[in-house]
Amino acid sequence: MTHEERNQEILKAIKEVTERVNVSKKAARDFLIQGGIYTKKGKLRAEFGGVRPKKNPESA
């Protein structure tokens, strides 16, 4: 397999996943949760720009 053929296969795979997860809001949300970008509650994780949970000074 040439470099160009490999790239075409990658692009094809990306397109297939994109089509699959864009069928509904739920499918897209589930994909982002599975990928670790969103929490199970649907909140954006801090490392991707979400709000960091406040630390409880009493538990430290």
N, C-alpha and C. Protein backbone atom coordinates (compact mmCIF):
# COMPACT_ATOMS: atom_id res chain seq x y z
N MET A 1 0.85 -1.18 0.00
CA MET A 1 0.00 0.00 0.00
C MET A 1 0.90 1.24 0.00
N THR A 2 0.61 2.14 -0.90
CA THR A 2 1.40 3.36 -0.98
C THR A 2 0.94 4.35 0.08
N HIS A 3 1.72 5.37 0.25
CA HIS A 3 1.40 6.43 1.21
C HIS A 3 0.06 7.08 0.84
N GLU A 4 -0.14 7.35 -0.43
CA GLU A 4 -1.38 7.97 -0.90
C GLU A 4 -2.58 7.06 -0.66
N GLU A 5 -2.43 5.76 -0.92
CA GLU A 5 -3.52 4.81 -0.67
C GLU A 5 -3.87 4.75 0.82
N ARG A 6 -2.84 4.76 1.65
CA ARG A 6 -3.05 4.75 3.10
C ARG A 6 -3.83 5.99 3.53
N ASN A 7 -3.44 7.14 3.01
CA ASN A 7 -4.12 8.39 3.34
C ASN A 7 -5.59 8.36 2.89
N GLN A 8 -5.84 7.78 1.74
CA GLN A 8 -7.22 7.68 1.24
C GLN A 8 -8.05 6.77 2.15
N GLU A 9 -7.47 5.69 2.64
CA GLU A 9 -8.17 4.78 3.55
C GLU A 9 -8.48 5.48 4.87
N ILE A 10 -7.54 6.28 5.36
CA ILE A 10 -7.76 7.04 6.60
C ILE A 10 -8.90 8.03 6.41
N LEU A 11 -8.88 8.76 5.31
CA LEU A 11 -9.94 9.73 5.03
C LEU A 11 -11.30 9.05 4.90
N LYS A 12 -11.32 7.88 4.30
CA LYS A 12 -12.56 7.11 4.16
C LYS A 12 -13.08 6.71 5.55
N ALA A 13 -12.20 6.26 6.42
CA ALA A 13 -12.59 5.86 7.77
C ALA A 13 -13.12 7.04 8.56
N ILE A 14 -12.47 8.18 8.44
CA ILE A 14 -12.93 9.39 9.12
C ILE A 14 -14.32 9.78 8.63
N LYS A 15 -14.53 9.71 7.33
CA LYS A 15 -15.83 10.06 6.76
C LYS A 15 -16.92 9.12 7.28
N GLU A 16 -16.62 7.84 7.37
CA GLU A 16 -17.61 6.86 7.85
C GLU A 16 -17.99 7.12 9.31
N VAL A 17 -16.99 7.42 10.14
CA VAL A 17 -17.27 7.71 11.55
C VAL A 17 -18.07 9.00 11.66
N THR A 18 -17.70 10.00 10.90
CA THR A 18 -18.41 11.28 10.93
C THR A 18 -19.87 11.09 10.54
N GLU A 19 -20.13 10.33 9.51
CA GLU A 19 -21.52 10.08 9.10
C GLU A 19 -22.28 9.32 10.18
N ARG A 20 -21.62 8.38 10.84
CA ARG A 20 -22.28 7.58 11.88
C ARG A 20 -22.62 8.41 13.11
N VAL A 21 -21.72 9.29 13.53
CA VAL A 21 -21.98 10.04 14.76
C VAL A 21 -22.84 11.28 14.52
N ASN A 22 -23.01 11.69 13.29
CA ASN A 22 -23.82 12.87 13.00
C ASN A 22 -25.28 12.55 12.69
N VAL A 23 -25.71 11.33 12.94
CA VAL A 23 -27.11 10.98 12.64
C VAL A 23 -28.06 11.59 13.66
N SER A 24 -27.57 11.86 14.88
CA SER A 24 -28.42 12.47 15.90
C SER A 24 -27.55 13.15 16.95
N LYS A 25 -28.18 14.01 17.75
CA LYS A 25 -27.45 14.67 18.83
C LYS A 25 -26.97 13.63 19.85
N LYS A 26 -27.79 12.63 20.11
CA LYS A 26 -27.43 11.59 21.08
C LYS A 26 -26.20 10.82 20.60
N ALA A 27 -26.16 10.45 19.32
CA ALA A 27 -25.02 9.72 18.79
C ALA A 27 -23.75 10.56 18.88
N ALA A 28 -23.85 11.84 18.58
CA ALA A 28 -22.69 12.73 18.66
C ALA A 28 -22.24 12.88 20.11
N ARG A 29 -23.18 13.08 21.03
CA ARG A 29 -22.85 13.22 22.44
C ARG A 29 -22.19 11.95 22.97
N ASP A 30 -22.76 10.79 22.63
CA ASP A 30 -22.20 9.51 23.07
C ASP A 30 -20.77 9.33 22.56
N PHE A 31 -20.51 9.74 21.34
CA PHE A 31 -19.17 9.64 20.76
C PHE A 31 -18.18 10.51 21.54
N LEU A 32 -18.60 11.73 21.90
CA LEU A 32 -17.73 12.64 22.64
C LEU A 32 -17.49 12.14 24.07
N ILE A 33 -18.50 11.52 24.66
CA ILE A 33 -18.34 10.94 25.99
C ILE A 33 -17.38 9.76 25.92
N GLN A 34 -17.59 8.90 24.94
CA GLN A 34 -16.72 7.73 24.76
C GLN A 34 -15.27 8.15 24.53
N GLY A 35 -15.08 9.23 23.82
CA GLY A 35 -13.73 9.72 23.53
C GLY A 35 -13.10 10.47 24.70
N GLY A 36 -13.87 10.71 25.77
CA GLY A 36 -13.34 11.37 26.94
C GLY A 36 -13.34 12.88 26.87
N ILE A 37 -14.03 13.45 25.90
CA ILE A 37 -14.09 14.91 25.77
C ILE A 37 -15.17 15.48 26.68
N TYR A 38 -16.27 14.74 26.82
CA TYR A 38 -17.36 15.13 27.72
C TYR A 38 -17.48 14.10 28.82
N THR A 39 -18.00 14.53 29.98
CA THR A 39 -18.27 13.61 31.08
C THR A 39 -19.57 12.87 30.80
N LYS A 40 -19.87 11.86 31.61
CA LYS A 40 -21.13 11.13 31.45
C LYS A 40 -22.33 12.03 31.67
N LYS A 41 -22.15 13.10 32.42
CA LYS A 41 -23.24 14.06 32.66
C LYS A 41 -23.37 15.07 31.52
N GLY A 42 -22.48 14.99 30.53
CA GLY A 42 -22.56 15.87 29.37
C GLY A 42 -21.83 17.19 29.53
N LYS A 43 -20.95 17.28 30.51
CA LYS A 43 -20.17 18.50 30.72
C LYS A 43 -18.81 18.37 30.04
N LEU A 44 -18.34 19.45 29.47
CA LEU A 44 -17.03 19.48 28.83
C LEU A 44 -15.94 19.29 29.88
N ARG A 45 -15.02 18.37 29.64
CA ARG A 45 -13.94 18.13 30.60
C ARG A 45 -13.01 19.34 30.66
N ALA A 46 -12.44 19.55 31.84
CA ALA A 46 -11.59 20.72 32.08
C ALA A 46 -10.44 20.81 31.09
N GLU A 47 -9.83 19.68 30.77
CA GLU A 47 -8.68 19.72 29.86
C GLU A 47 -9.04 20.13 28.44
N PHE A 48 -10.35 20.19 28.14
CA PHE A 48 -10.81 20.64 26.83
C PHE A 48 -11.53 21.98 26.90
N GLY A 49 -11.38 22.69 28.02
CA GLY A 49 -11.94 24.02 28.15
C GLY A 49 -13.11 24.12 29.12
N GLY A 50 -13.50 23.02 29.72
CA GLY A 50 -14.58 23.05 30.69
C GLY A 50 -14.11 23.61 32.02
N VAL A 51 -15.04 23.77 32.93
CA VAL A 51 -14.74 24.33 34.24
C VAL A 51 -14.14 23.25 35.14
N ARG A 52 -13.05 23.60 35.79
CA ARG A 52 -12.42 22.66 36.73
C ARG A 52 -13.25 22.64 38.01
N PRO A 53 -13.44 21.44 38.58
CA PRO A 53 -14.17 21.38 39.85
C PRO A 53 -13.36 22.05 40.95
N LYS A 54 -14.06 22.75 41.82
CA LYS A 54 -13.38 23.42 42.92
C LYS A 54 -12.94 22.39 43.95
N LYS A 55 -11.74 22.58 44.46
CA LYS A 55 -11.23 21.68 45.49
C LYS A 55 -11.82 22.10 46.84
N ASN A 56 -12.16 21.12 47.63
CA ASN A 56 -12.68 21.37 48.96
C ASN A 56 -11.48 21.49 49.90
N PRO A 57 -11.22 22.70 50.47
CA PRO A 57 -10.04 22.87 51.31
C PRO A 57 -10.09 22.03 52.58
N GLU A 58 -11.29 21.62 53.01
CA GLU A 58 -11.41 20.81 54.21
C GLU A 58 -10.96 19.37 53.98
N SER A 59 -11.04 18.89 52.74
CA SER A 59 -10.66 17.51 52.44
C SER A 59 -9.18 17.38 52.08
N ALA A 60 -8.48 18.49 51.96
CA ALA A 60 -7.06 18.45 51.58
C ALA A 60 -6.15 18.18 52.74
